[in-house]
C-alpha atoms as a PDB file:
ATOM      1  CA  UNK A   1       6.873  -6.147  20.448  1.00  0.00           C
ATOM      2  CA  UNK A   2       4.948  -7.567  17.446  1.00  0.00           C
ATOM      3  CA  UNK A   3       1.720  -6.888  19.417  1.00  0.00           C
ATOM      4  CA  UNK A   4       2.285  -3.119  19.169  1.00  0.00           C
ATOM      5  CA  UNK A   5       1.059  -2.874  15.561  1.00  0.00           C
ATOM      6  CA  UNK A   6      -2.425  -4.362  16.249  1.00  0.00           C
ATOM      7  CA  UNK A   7      -2.783  -1.958  19.224  1.00  0.00           C
ATOM      8  CA  UNK A   8      -2.086   1.023  16.967  1.00  0.00           C
ATOM      9  CA  UNK A   9      -4.523  -0.436  14.387  1.00  0.00           C
ATOM     10  CA  UNK A  10      -7.281  -0.514  17.033  1.00  0.00           C
ATOM     11  CA  UNK A  11      -6.556   3.093  17.983  1.00  0.00           C
ATOM     12  CA  UNK A  12      -6.675   4.019  14.286  1.00  0.00           C
ATOM     13  CA  UNK A  13     -10.138   2.404  13.969  1.00  0.00           C
ATOM     14  CA  UNK A  14     -11.477   4.212  17.039  1.00  0.00           C
ATOM     15  CA  UNK A  15     -10.274   7.606  15.877  1.00  0.00           C
ATOM     16  CA  UNK A  16     -11.622   7.092  12.365  1.00  0.00           C
ATOM     17  CA  UNK A  17     -14.994   5.842  13.637  1.00  0.00           C
ATOM     18  CA  UNK A  18     -15.535   8.907  15.819  1.00  0.00           C
ATOM     19  CA  UNK A  19     -14.052  11.213  13.192  1.00  0.00           C
ATOM     20  CA  UNK A  20     -11.277  12.388  15.499  1.00  0.00           C
ATOM     21  CA  UNK A  21      -7.746  13.320  14.557  1.00  0.00           C
ATOM     22  CA  UNK A  22      -6.663  13.925  18.132  1.00  0.00           C
ATOM     23  CA  UNK A  23      -3.300  12.195  18.020  1.00  0.00           C
ATOM     24  CA  UNK A  24      -0.835  11.464  15.286  1.00  0.00           C
ATOM     25  CA  UNK A  25      -0.416   7.718  15.134  1.00  0.00           C
ATOM     26  CA  UNK A  26       2.717   5.988  13.849  1.00  0.00           C
ATOM     27  CA  UNK A  27       2.061   4.719  10.321  1.00  0.00           C
ATOM     28  CA  UNK A  28       3.856   4.247   6.999  1.00  0.00           C
ATOM     29  CA  UNK A  29       2.916   6.836   4.364  1.00  0.00           C
ATOM     30  CA  UNK A  30       3.400   5.721   0.746  1.00  0.00           C
ATOM     31  CA  UNK A  31       3.994   8.484  -1.784  1.00  0.00           C
ATOM     32  CA  UNK A  32       5.120   8.679  -5.390  1.00  0.00           C
ATOM     33  CA  UNK A  33       4.148  10.048  -8.785  1.00  0.00           C
ATOM     34  CA  UNK A  34       1.343   8.411 -10.753  1.00  0.00           C
ATOM     35  CA  UNK A  35       3.716   6.297 -12.835  1.00  0.00           C
ATOM     36  CA  UNK A  36       6.196   5.421 -10.077  1.00  0.00           C
ATOM     37  CA  UNK A  37       4.925   1.866  -9.482  1.00  0.00           C
ATOM     38  CA  UNK A  38       3.429   2.760  -6.091  1.00  0.00           C
ATOM     39  CA  UNK A  39       0.345   0.526  -6.510  1.00  0.00           C
ATOM     40  CA  UNK A  40       2.474  -2.435  -7.601  1.00  0.00           C
ATOM     41  CA  UNK A  41       4.654  -2.084  -4.492  1.00  0.00           C
ATOM     42  CA  UNK A  42       1.595  -2.159  -2.211  1.00  0.00           C
ATOM     43  CA  UNK A  43       0.016  -5.104  -4.058  1.00  0.00           C
ATOM     44  CA  UNK A  44       3.294  -7.043  -3.878  1.00  0.00           C
ATOM     45  CA  UNK A  45       3.361  -6.564  -0.089  1.00  0.00           C
ATOM     46  CA  UNK A  46      -0.186  -7.976   0.114  1.00  0.00           C
ATOM     47  CA  UNK A  47       0.426 -10.683  -2.488  1.00  0.00           C
ATOM     48  CA  UNK A  48      -2.832  -9.901  -4.317  1.00  0.00           C
ATOM     49  CA  UNK A  49      -4.131  -7.457  -6.942  1.00  0.00           C
ATOM     50  CA  UNK A  50      -6.831  -5.335  -5.326  1.00  0.00           C
ATOM     51  CA  UNK A  51      -6.147  -1.653  -6.090  1.00  0.00           C
ATOM     52  CA  UNK A  52      -8.033   0.271  -8.798  1.00  0.00           C
ATOM     53  CA  UNK A  53      -5.963   0.841 -11.935  1.00  0.00           C
ATOM     54  CA  UNK A  54      -6.255   2.992 -15.011  1.00  0.00           C
ATOM     55  CA  UNK A  55      -5.040   6.215 -16.617  1.00  0.00           C
ATOM     56  CA  UNK A  56      -4.762   9.463 -14.634  1.00  0.00           C
ATOM     57  CA  UNK A  57      -5.395   9.672 -10.900  1.00  0.00           C
ATOM     58  CA  UNK A  58      -6.738   6.361  -9.630  1.00  0.00           C
ATOM     59  CA  UNK A  59      -6.117   6.772  -5.881  1.00  0.00           C
ATOM     60  CA  UNK A  60      -8.352   9.751  -5.097  1.00  0.00           C
ATOM     61  CA  UNK A  61      -8.829   9.227  -1.366  1.00  0.00           C
ATOM     62  CA  UNK A  62      -6.256   8.173   1.225  1.00  0.00           C
ATOM     63  CA  UNK A  63      -6.424   4.404   1.766  1.00  0.00           C
ATOM     64  CA  UNK A  64      -5.453   3.323   5.279  1.00  0.00           C
ATOM     65  CA  UNK A  65      -4.430  -0.281   4.743  1.00  0.00           C
ATOM     66  CA  UNK A  66      -3.904  -2.484   7.783  1.00  0.00           C
ATOM     67  CA  UNK A  67      -2.242  -5.807   6.969  1.00  0.00           C
ATOM     68  CA  UNK A  68      -2.920  -8.387   9.675  1.00  0.00           C
ATOM     69  CA  UNK A  69      -1.018 -11.674   9.814  1.00  0.00           C
ATOM     70  CA  UNK A  70      -3.718 -14.209  10.640  1.00  0.00           C
ATOM     71  CA  UNK A  71      -2.721 -17.889  10.963  1.00  0.00           C
ATOM     72  CA  UNK A  72      -5.391 -20.534  10.301  1.00  0.00           C
ATOM     73  CA  UNK A  73      -5.954 -21.244  14.005  1.00  0.00           C
ATOM     74  CA  UNK A  74      -6.273 -17.578  15.042  1.00  0.00           C
ATOM     75  CA  UNK A  75      -9.347 -16.011  16.649  1.00  0.00           C
ATOM     76  CA  UNK A  76      -9.771 -13.692  13.631  1.00  0.00           C
ATOM     77  CA  UNK A  77      -9.833 -16.687  11.299  1.00  0.00           C
ATOM     78  CA  UNK A  78     -12.503 -18.538  13.293  1.00  0.00           C
ATOM     79  CA  UNK A  79     -14.611 -15.388  13.651  1.00  0.00           C
ATOM     80  CA  UNK A  80     -14.331 -14.590   9.925  1.00  0.00           C
ATOM     81  CA  UNK A  81     -15.426 -18.104   9.009  1.00  0.00           C
ATOM     82  CA  UNK A  82     -18.517 -17.781  11.227  1.00  0.00           C
ATOM     83  CA  UNK A  83     -19.498 -14.446   9.649  1.00  0.00           C
ATOM     84  CA  UNK A  84     -18.779 -15.851   6.204  1.00  0.00           C
ATOM     85  CA  UNK A  85     -21.076 -18.828   6.874  1.00  0.00           C
ATOM     86  CA  UNK A  86     -23.879 -16.463   7.915  1.00  0.00           C
ATOM     87  CA  UNK A  87     -23.409 -14.496   4.704  1.00  0.00           C
ATOM     88  CA  UNK A  88     -23.460 -17.758   2.748  1.00  0.00           C
ATOM     89  CA  UNK A  89     -26.706 -18.837   4.443  1.00  0.00           C
ATOM     90  CA  UNK A  90     -28.384 -15.736   3.055  1.00  0.00           C
ATOM     91  CA  UNK A  91     -28.548 -13.731   6.284  1.00  0.00           C
ATOM     92  CA  UNK A  92     -26.772 -10.939   4.474  1.00  0.00           C
ATOM     93  CA  UNK A  93     -27.855  -9.082   1.353  1.00  0.00           C
ATOM     94  CA  UNK A  94     -24.441  -9.786  -0.195  1.00  0.00           C
ATOM     95  CA  UNK A  95     -24.179 -13.433  -1.225  1.00  0.00           C
ATOM     96  CA  UNK A  96     -20.630 -14.771  -1.640  1.00  0.00           C
ATOM     97  CA  UNK A  97     -21.960 -18.158  -2.770  1.00  0.00           C
ATOM     98  CA  UNK A  98     -23.429 -16.560  -5.884  1.00  0.00           C
ATOM     99  CA  UNK A  99     -20.131 -14.778  -6.335  1.00  0.00           C
ATOM    100  CA  UNK A 100     -18.243 -18.070  -6.043  1.00  0.00           C
ATOM    101  CA  UNK A 101     -20.313 -19.501  -8.905  1.00  0.00           C
ATOM    102  CA  UNK A 102     -19.592 -16.381 -10.965  1.00  0.00           C
ATOM    103  CA  UNK A 103     -15.904 -16.197 -10.244  1.00  0.00           C
ATOM    104  CA  UNK A 104     -14.701 -19.761  -9.756  1.00  0.00           C
ATOM    105  CA  UNK A 105     -13.060 -19.802 -13.196  1.00  0.00           C
ATOM    106  CA  UNK A 106     -12.122 -16.118 -13.247  1.00  0.00           C
ATOM    107  CA  UNK A 107      -9.379 -14.080 -11.653  1.00  0.00           C
ATOM    108  CA  UNK A 108     -11.371 -13.356  -8.489  1.00  0.00           C
ATOM    109  CA  UNK A 109     -11.201 -16.299  -6.098  1.00  0.00           C
ATOM    110  CA  UNK A 110     -13.055 -17.046  -2.909  1.00  0.00           C
ATOM    111  CA  UNK A 111     -10.525 -18.128  -0.333  1.00  0.00           C
ATOM    112  CA  UNK A 112     -10.605 -17.650   3.416  1.00  0.00           C
ATOM    113  CA  UNK A 113      -6.843 -17.948   3.628  1.00  0.00           C
ATOM    114  CA  UNK A 114      -7.113 -14.201   3.098  1.00  0.00           C
ATOM    115  CA  UNK A 115      -9.950 -11.719   3.233  1.00  0.00           C
ATOM    116  CA  UNK A 116     -10.677  -8.012   3.548  1.00  0.00           C
ATOM    117  CA  UNK A 117     -12.951  -5.878   5.741  1.00  0.00           C
ATOM    118  CA  UNK A 118     -13.790  -2.199   5.293  1.00  0.00           C
ATOM    119  CA  UNK A 119     -14.576   0.017   8.271  1.00  0.00           C
ATOM    120  CA  UNK A 120     -17.551   1.533   6.396  1.00  0.00           C
ATOM    121  CA  UNK A 121     -19.187  -1.863   5.648  1.00  0.00           C
ATOM    122  CA  UNK A 122     -18.926  -3.092   9.258  1.00  0.00           C
ATOM    123  CA  UNK A 123     -18.704  -6.912   9.480  1.00  0.00           C
ATOM    124  CA  UNK A 124     -19.017  -7.692   5.775  1.00  0.00           C
ATOM    125  CA  UNK A 125     -16.246 -10.037   4.634  1.00  0.00           C
ATOM    126  CA  UNK A 126     -14.715  -9.687   1.172  1.00  0.00           C
ATOM    127  CA  UNK A 127     -13.063 -12.928   0.140  1.00  0.00           C
ATOM    128  CA  UNK A 128     -12.903 -11.907  -3.532  1.00  0.00           C
ATOM    129  CA  UNK A 129     -10.175  -9.327  -4.087  1.00  0.00           C
ATOM    130  CA  UNK A 130     -11.861  -8.101  -7.285  1.00  0.00           C
ATOM    131  CA  UNK A 131     -14.803  -7.119  -5.060  1.00  0.00           C
ATOM    132  CA  UNK A 132     -12.401  -5.231  -2.779  1.00  0.00           C
ATOM    133  CA  UNK A 133     -11.239  -3.245  -5.809  1.00  0.00           C
ATOM    134  CA  UNK A 134     -14.836  -2.478  -6.837  1.00  0.00           C
ATOM    135  CA  UNK A 135     -15.750  -1.390  -3.300  1.00  0.00           C
ATOM    136  CA  UNK A 136     -12.755   0.993  -3.198  1.00  0.00           C
ATOM    137  CA  UNK A 137     -13.950   2.455  -6.524  1.00  0.00           C
ATOM    138  CA  UNK A 138     -17.570   2.755  -5.310  1.00  0.00           C
ATOM    139  CA  UNK A 139     -16.609   4.360  -2.018  1.00  0.00           C
ATOM    140  CA  UNK A 140     -14.198   6.725  -3.801  1.00  0.00           C
ATOM    141  CA  UNK A 141     -16.895   7.823  -6.270  1.00  0.00           C
ATOM    142  CA  UNK A 142     -19.385   8.278  -3.423  1.00  0.00           C
ATOM    143  CA  UNK A 143     -17.202  10.814  -1.606  1.00  0.00           C
ATOM    144  CA  UNK A 144     -14.961  12.231  -4.343  1.00  0.00           C
ATOM    145  CA  UNK A 145     -17.402  12.168  -7.283  1.00  0.00           C
ATOM    146  CA  UNK A 146     -17.014  10.222 -10.501  1.00  0.00           C
ATOM    147  CA  UNK A 147     -14.688  12.764 -12.118  1.00  0.00           C
ATOM    148  CA  UNK A 148     -11.011  12.784 -11.183  1.00  0.00           C
ATOM    149  CA  UNK A 149     -11.279  15.027  -8.111  1.00  0.00           C
ATOM    150  CA  UNK A 150      -9.805  14.010  -4.749  1.00  0.00           C
ATOM    151  CA  UNK A 151     -11.256  13.776  -1.240  1.00  0.00           C
ATOM    152  CA  UNK A 152      -9.199  13.942   1.981  1.00  0.00           C
ATOM    153  CA  UNK A 153     -11.456  11.507   3.901  1.00  0.00           C
ATOM    154  CA  UNK A 154      -9.743   8.134   4.204  1.00  0.00           C
ATOM    155  CA  UNK A 155     -11.035   4.672   3.308  1.00  0.00           C
ATOM    156  CA  UNK A 156     -10.072   2.072   5.919  1.00  0.00           C
ATOM    157  CA  UNK A 157      -9.335  -1.465   4.750  1.00  0.00           C
ATOM    158  CA  UNK A 158      -8.011  -4.406   6.760  1.00  0.00           C
ATOM    159  CA  UNK A 159      -6.571  -7.396   4.943  1.00  0.00           C
ATOM    160  CA  UNK A 160      -6.139 -10.592   6.962  1.00  0.00           C
ATOM    161  CA  UNK A 161      -3.831 -13.190   5.475  1.00  0.00           C
ATOM    162  CA  UNK A 162      -1.524 -16.070   6.296  1.00  0.00           C
ATOM    163  CA  UNK A 163       1.024 -14.480   3.932  1.00  0.00           C
ATOM    164  CA  UNK A 164       1.440 -10.889   5.163  1.00  0.00           C
ATOM    165  CA  UNK A 165       3.481  -9.280   7.918  1.00  0.00           C
ATOM    166  CA  UNK A 166       1.723  -6.877  10.298  1.00  0.00           C
ATOM    167  CA  UNK A 167       1.856  -3.424   8.714  1.00  0.00           C
ATOM    168  CA  UNK A 168      -0.139  -0.203   8.528  1.00  0.00           C
ATOM    169  CA  UNK A 169       0.269   1.637   5.226  1.00  0.00           C
ATOM    170  CA  UNK A 170      -1.407   4.798   3.968  1.00  0.00           C
ATOM    171  CA  UNK A 171      -1.679   4.970   0.172  1.00  0.00           C
ATOM    172  CA  UNK A 172      -2.066   8.558  -1.053  1.00  0.00           C
ATOM    173  CA  UNK A 173      -3.011  10.016  -4.465  1.00  0.00           C
ATOM    174  CA  UNK A 174      -0.095  10.043  -6.904  1.00  0.00           C
ATOM    175  CA  UNK A 175       1.740  13.335  -7.342  1.00  0.00           C
ATOM    176  CA  UNK A 176       0.565  14.991 -10.560  1.00  0.00           C
ATOM    177  CA  UNK A 177       1.369  18.180 -12.474  1.00  0.00           C
ATOM    178  CA  UNK A 178      -1.375  18.643 -15.055  1.00  0.00           C
ATOM    179  CA  UNK A 179      -5.165  18.615 -14.438  1.00  0.00           C
ATOM    180  CA  UNK A 180      -7.185  16.265 -16.658  1.00  0.00           C
ATOM    181  CA  UNK A 181     -10.929  16.049 -17.410  1.00  0.00           C
ATOM    182  CA  UNK A 182     -13.028  17.778 -14.750  1.00  0.00           C
ATOM    183  CA  UNK A 183     -10.157  18.148 -12.320  1.00  0.00           C
ATOM    184  CA  UNK A 184      -9.789  21.554 -10.672  1.00  0.00           C
ATOM    185  CA  UNK A 185      -6.907  23.726 -11.886  1.00  0.00           C
ATOM    186  CA  UNK A 186      -5.249  23.481  -8.478  1.00  0.00           C
ATOM    187  CA  UNK A 187      -5.263  19.654  -8.374  1.00  0.00           C
ATOM    188  CA  UNK A 188      -1.465  19.608  -7.974  1.00  0.00           C
ATOM    189  CA  UNK A 189      -1.679  21.794  -4.859  1.00  0.00           C
ATOM    190  CA  UNK A 190      -4.624  19.815  -3.463  1.00  0.00           C
ATOM    191  CA  UNK A 191      -2.667  16.552  -3.719  1.00  0.00           C
ATOM    192  CA  UNK A 192       0.523  18.139  -2.404  1.00  0.00           C
ATOM    193  CA  UNK A 193      -1.302  19.593   0.629  1.00  0.00           C
ATOM    194  CA  UNK A 194      -2.935  16.229   1.356  1.00  0.00           C
ATOM    195  CA  UNK A 195       0.423  14.431   1.170  1.00  0.00           C
ATOM    196  CA  UNK A 196       2.152  17.018   3.371  1.00  0.00           C
ATOM    197  CA  UNK A 197      -0.609  16.704   5.995  1.00  0.00           C
ATOM    198  CA  UNK A 198       0.252  13.006   6.372  1.00  0.00           C
ATOM    199  CA  UNK A 199       4.037  13.085   6.038  1.00  0.00           C
ATOM    200  CA  UNK A 200       4.422  16.127   8.318  1.00  0.00           C
ATOM    201  CA  UNK A 201       3.243  13.872  11.170  1.00  0.00           C
ATOM    202  CA  UNK A 202       6.520  13.368  13.078  1.00  0.00           C
ATOM    203  CA  UNK A 203       5.355   9.868  14.043  1.00  0.00           C
ATOM    204  CA  UNK A 204       5.057   8.715  10.428  1.00  0.00           C
ATOM    205  CA  UNK A 205       7.568   6.766   8.361  1.00  0.00           C
ATOM    206  CA  UNK A 206       7.777   8.024   4.773  1.00  0.00           C
ATOM    207  CA  UNK A 207       7.990   5.408   2.015  1.00  0.00           C
ATOM    208  CA  UNK A 208       9.148   7.439  -1.003  1.00  0.00           C
ATOM    209  CA  UNK A 209       8.606   5.460  -4.217  1.00  0.00           C
ATOM    210  CA  UNK A 210      10.646   6.412  -7.296  1.00  0.00           C
ATOM    211  CA  UNK A 211      11.107   4.570 -10.603  1.00  0.00           C
ATOM    212  CA  UNK A 212      14.686   3.559 -11.474  1.00  0.00           C
ATOM    213  CA  UNK A 213      14.222   4.751 -15.064  1.00  0.00           C
ATOM    214  CA  UNK A 214      13.708   8.368 -13.927  1.00  0.00           C
ATOM    215  CA  UNK A 215      16.198  10.919 -12.604  1.00  0.00           C
ATOM    216  CA  UNK A 216      16.607  10.367  -8.852  1.00  0.00           C
ATOM    217  CA  UNK A 217      17.894  13.910  -8.420  1.00  0.00           C
ATOM    218  CA  UNK A 218      14.507  15.306  -9.474  1.00  0.00           C
ATOM    219  CA  UNK A 219      12.301  12.709  -7.738  1.00  0.00           C
ATOM    220  CA  UNK A 220       9.098  14.441  -6.561  1.00  0.00           C
ATOM    221  CA  UNK A 221       8.615  11.881  -3.778  1.00  0.00           C
ATOM    222  CA  UNK A 222      12.135  12.407  -2.418  1.00  0.00           C
ATOM    223  CA  UNK A 223      11.739  16.200  -2.695  1.00  0.00           C
ATOM    224  CA  UNK A 224       8.470  16.189  -0.735  1.00  0.00           C
ATOM    225  CA  UNK A 225       9.941  13.862   1.892  1.00  0.00           C
ATOM    226  CA  UNK A 226      12.962  16.146   2.242  1.00  0.00           C
ATOM    227  CA  UNK A 227      10.715  19.176   2.844  1.00  0.00           C
ATOM    228  CA  UNK A 228       9.346  17.648   6.062  1.00  0.00           C
ATOM    229  CA  UNK A 229      12.239  15.309   6.932  1.00  0.00           C
ATOM    230  CA  UNK A 230      15.381  17.205   5.851  1.00  0.00           C
ATOM    231  CA  UNK A 231      17.797  14.758   7.525  1.00  0.00           C
ATOM    232  CA  UNK A 232      16.028  11.706   6.063  1.00  0.00           C
ATOM    233  CA  UNK A 233      15.700  10.173   9.543  1.00  0.00           C
ATOM    234  CA  UNK A 234      12.229   8.713   8.910  1.00  0.00           C
ATOM    235  CA  UNK A 235      12.402   8.224   5.139  1.00  0.00           C
ATOM    236  CA  UNK A 236      12.847   4.879   3.366  1.00  0.00           C
ATOM    237  CA  UNK A 237      13.290   5.036  -0.414  1.00  0.00           C
ATOM    238  CA  UNK A 238      11.921   2.324  -2.687  1.00  0.00           C
ATOM    239  CA  UNK A 239      13.372   2.189  -6.189  1.00  0.00           C
ATOM    240  CA  UNK A 240      10.952   0.442  -8.557  1.00  0.00           C
ATOM    241  CA  UNK A 241      11.272  -0.895 -12.120  1.00  0.00           C
ATOM    242  CA  UNK A 242      14.938  -1.872 -11.737  1.00  0.00           C
ATOM    243  CA  UNK A 243      14.596  -4.011 -14.865  1.00  0.00           C
ATOM    244  CA  UNK A 244      13.573  -1.014 -17.017  1.00  0.00           C
ATOM    245  CA  UNK A 245      16.806   0.973 -16.697  1.00  0.00           C
ATOM    246  CA  UNK A 246      18.633   1.880 -19.901  1.00  0.00           C
ATOM    247  CA  UNK A 247      20.916  -0.826 -21.286  1.00  0.00           C
ATOM    248  CA  UNK A 248      24.443  -0.500 -19.941  1.00  0.00           C
ATOM    249  CA  UNK A 249      23.345   1.262 -16.739  1.00  0.00           C
ATOM    250  CA  UNK A 250      22.592  -0.114 -13.307  1.00  0.00           C
ATOM    251  CA  UNK A 251      21.324   1.126  -9.952  1.00  0.00           C
ATOM    252  CA  UNK A 252      24.236  -0.020  -7.801  1.00  0.00           C
ATOM    253  CA  UNK A 253      25.196   3.518  -6.673  1.00  0.00           C
ATOM    254  CA  UNK A 254      21.566   4.325  -5.860  1.00  0.00           C
ATOM    255  CA  UNK A 255      20.944   1.064  -3.976  1.00  0.00           C
ATOM    256  CA  UNK A 256      24.168   1.455  -1.989  1.00  0.00           C
ATOM    257  CA  UNK A 257      23.039   4.884  -0.773  1.00  0.00           C
ATOM    258  CA  UNK A 258      25.473   7.024  -2.736  1.00  0.00           C
ATOM    259  CA  UNK A 259      22.765   9.100  -4.512  1.00  0.00           C
ATOM    260  CA  UNK A 260      19.726   9.573  -2.227  1.00  0.00           C
ATOM    261  CA  UNK A 261      20.499  10.769   1.325  1.00  0.00           C
ATOM    262  CA  UNK A 262      17.984   8.825   3.464  1.00  0.00           C
ATOM    263  CA  UNK A 263      18.711   7.226   6.831  1.00  0.00           C
ATOM    264  CA  UNK A 264      16.297   4.263   6.808  1.00  0.00           C
ATOM    265  CA  UNK A 265      17.746   2.753   3.651  1.00  0.00           C
ATOM    266  CA  UNK A 266      17.036   2.224  -0.029  1.00  0.00           C
ATOM    267  CA  UNK A 267      15.425  -0.957  -1.348  1.00  0.00           C
ATOM    268  CA  UNK A 268      15.107  -1.867  -5.019  1.00  0.00           C
ATOM    269  CA  UNK A 269      12.188  -3.884  -6.393  1.00  0.00           C
ATOM    270  CA  UNK A 270      11.013  -5.216  -9.752  1.00  0.00           C
ATOM    271  CA  UNK A 271       7.342  -4.527 -10.546  1.00  0.00           C
ATOM    272  CA  UNK A 272       4.871  -6.397 -12.681  1.00  0.00           C
ATOM    273  CA  UNK A 273       4.717  -4.628 -16.048  1.00  0.00           C
ATOM    274  CA  UNK A 274       1.452  -3.377 -17.535  1.00  0.00           C
ATOM    275  CA  UNK A 275       1.595  -6.356 -19.903  1.00  0.00           C
ATOM    276  CA  UNK A 276       2.041  -8.713 -16.921  1.00  0.00           C
ATOM    277  CA  UNK A 277      -1.104  -7.231 -15.358  1.00  0.00           C
ATOM    278  CA  UNK A 278      -3.072  -7.578 -18.625  1.00  0.00           C
ATOM    279  CA  UNK A 279      -1.844 -11.195 -18.898  1.00  0.00           C
ATOM    280  CA  UNK A 280      -2.885 -11.729 -15.260  1.00  0.00           C
ATOM    281  CA  UNK A 281       0.561 -12.838 -14.204  1.00  0.00           C
ATOM    282  CA  UNK A 282       0.299 -13.757 -10.526  1.00  0.00           C
ATOM    283  CA  UNK A 283       2.188 -11.801  -7.896  1.00  0.00           C
ATOM    284  CA  UNK A 284       3.702 -15.118  -6.710  1.00  0.00           C
ATOM    285  CA  UNK A 285       5.250 -15.612 -10.167  1.00  0.00           C
ATOM    286  CA  UNK A 286       6.399 -12.005 -10.334  1.00  0.00           C
ATOM    287  CA  UNK A 287       8.139 -12.357  -6.943  1.00  0.00           C
ATOM    288  CA  UNK A 288      10.006 -15.419  -8.244  1.00  0.00           C
ATOM    289  CA  UNK A 289      11.070 -13.449 -11.333  1.00  0.00           C
ATOM    290  CA  UNK A 290      12.124 -10.530  -9.121  1.00  0.00           C
ATOM    291  CA  UNK A 291      14.366 -12.822  -7.027  1.00  0.00           C
ATOM    292  CA  UNK A 292      15.914 -14.340 -10.181  1.00  0.00           C
ATOM    293  CA  UNK A 293      16.574 -10.888 -11.665  1.00  0.00           C
ATOM    294  CA  UNK A 294      18.196  -9.553  -8.479  1.00  0.00           C
ATOM    295  CA  UNK A 295      20.457 -12.621  -8.171  1.00  0.00           C
ATOM    296  CA  UNK A 296      21.555 -12.246 -11.789  1.00  0.00           C
ATOM    297  CA  UNK A 297      21.983  -8.457 -11.956  1.00  0.00           C
ATOM    298  CA  UNK A 298      22.901  -7.521  -8.353  1.00  0.00           C
ATOM    299  CA  UNK A 299      24.263 -10.725  -6.722  1.00  0.00           C
ATOM    300  CA  UNK A 300      26.218  -8.947  -3.969  1.00  0.00           C
ATOM    301  CA  UNK A 301      23.216  -6.969  -2.691  1.00  0.00           C
ATOM    302  CA  UNK A 302      20.293  -9.212  -3.767  1.00  0.00           C
ATOM    303  CA  UNK A 303      19.563 -10.241  -0.163  1.00  0.00           C
ATOM    304  CA  UNK A 304      19.025  -6.581   0.833  1.00  0.00           C
ATOM    305  CA  UNK A 305      16.587  -5.831  -1.981  1.00  0.00           C
ATOM    306  CA  UNK A 306      13.313  -7.204  -3.319  1.00  0.00           C
ATOM    307  CA  UNK A 307       9.740  -7.240  -2.024  1.00  0.00           C
ATOM    308  CA  UNK A 308      10.113  -9.862   0.779  1.00  0.00           C
ATOM    309  CA  UNK A 309      13.038  -7.882   2.236  1.00  0.00           C
ATOM    310  CA  UNK A 310      10.988  -4.659   1.931  1.00  0.00           C
ATOM    311  CA  UNK A 311       8.073  -6.249   3.861  1.00  0.00           C
ATOM    312  CA  UNK A 312      10.341  -7.440   6.695  1.00  0.00           C
ATOM    313  CA  UNK A 313      12.116  -4.077   6.847  1.00  0.00           C
ATOM    314  CA  UNK A 314       8.848  -2.122   7.025  1.00  0.00           C
ATOM    315  CA  UNK A 315       7.498  -4.406   9.757  1.00  0.00           C
ATOM    316  CA  UNK A 316      10.687  -3.982  11.812  1.00  0.00           C
ATOM    317  CA  UNK A 317      10.831  -0.208  11.263  1.00  0.00           C
ATOM    318  CA  UNK A 318       7.174   0.254  12.202  1.00  0.00           C
ATOM    319  CA  UNK A 319       7.511  -1.816  15.394  1.00  0.00           C
ATOM    320  CA  UNK A 320      10.587   0.105  16.539  1.00  0.00           C
ATOM    321  CA  UNK A 321       9.012   3.400  15.507  1.00  0.00           C
ATOM    322  CA  UNK A 322       5.834   2.676  17.524  1.00  0.00           C
ATOM    323  CA  UNK A 323       7.960   1.753  20.540  1.00  0.00           C
ATOM    324  CA  UNK A 324       9.943   4.991  20.216  1.00  0.00           C
ATOM    325  CA  UNK A 325       6.743   7.044  19.811  1.00  0.00           C
ATOM    326  CA  UNK A 326       4.881   5.460  22.750  1.00  0.00           C
ATOM    327  CA  UNK A 327       5.992   8.017  25.387  1.00  0.00           C
ATOM    328  CA  UNK A 328       4.536  10.814  23.203  1.00  0.00           C
ATOM    329  CA  UNK A 329       1.268   8.910  22.623  1.00  0.00           C
ATOM    330  CA  UNK A 330       0.404   8.457  26.318  1.00  0.00           C
END
């Protein structure tokens, strides 16, 4: 059944290449407010920092992110290494060898254990995740302008890695209330309409991201999910920033499902803080700290929370969801 996700990924590529939206493919839609920790959740699932960051709206186009588990001896790995060698030999205008010299002592690393490919740059291989971030920013500015406006046309990115599970995620602009800079007055409605277009797809799984240090009862992500999925049958809630809750409080009622009525479950995670990101704390280290925190604070439910459990759960849900949707896709 694991082979179902790559099949859906290929269909996704075909439909995006020809500009068709003929069928609604099963995929996981990630939504949350701008400060919910949505980007950190996605980066933790990948194990690398690669998403644009900054104040205001940073995700301004949908990002269709296909994570592909690619062991060292796989066909994808061998093919990527061949293309990479051609790029290195100077048969491509982009020269990763020069980049290696530039970045060998910096945060960006060249490593074919994991690499990215964009649909719009064809066969070009991005082995430096800082370059992936820059390409997302460039492609966003190209279609959405350099102000803070949004564009409904998606960017397609595949990340191949020995450390990911097979997943297809769609990262959407963060829910916002107030326009900033050159944003149109109706930016809130534009974002809301874009989100609803994706989550209204009955074949989608909704990943509603909410910070633990906010009021769950007024969560914008949960509210939007409820509008299109009133019974919560295809909604999974992720509660971020567990470590930032007020002293003397905990999230046990929330994590045990006594607060948010969703059928697919509620998983708590601990994000890297802004200071961690500035200090370039690795995601590997932050995952270790997350596991330690969960064992200390929530020992009885630690095994059902945290980023590794979230990744496995999403992979399982997506596989079963694709299988259940297959009769409708024929």
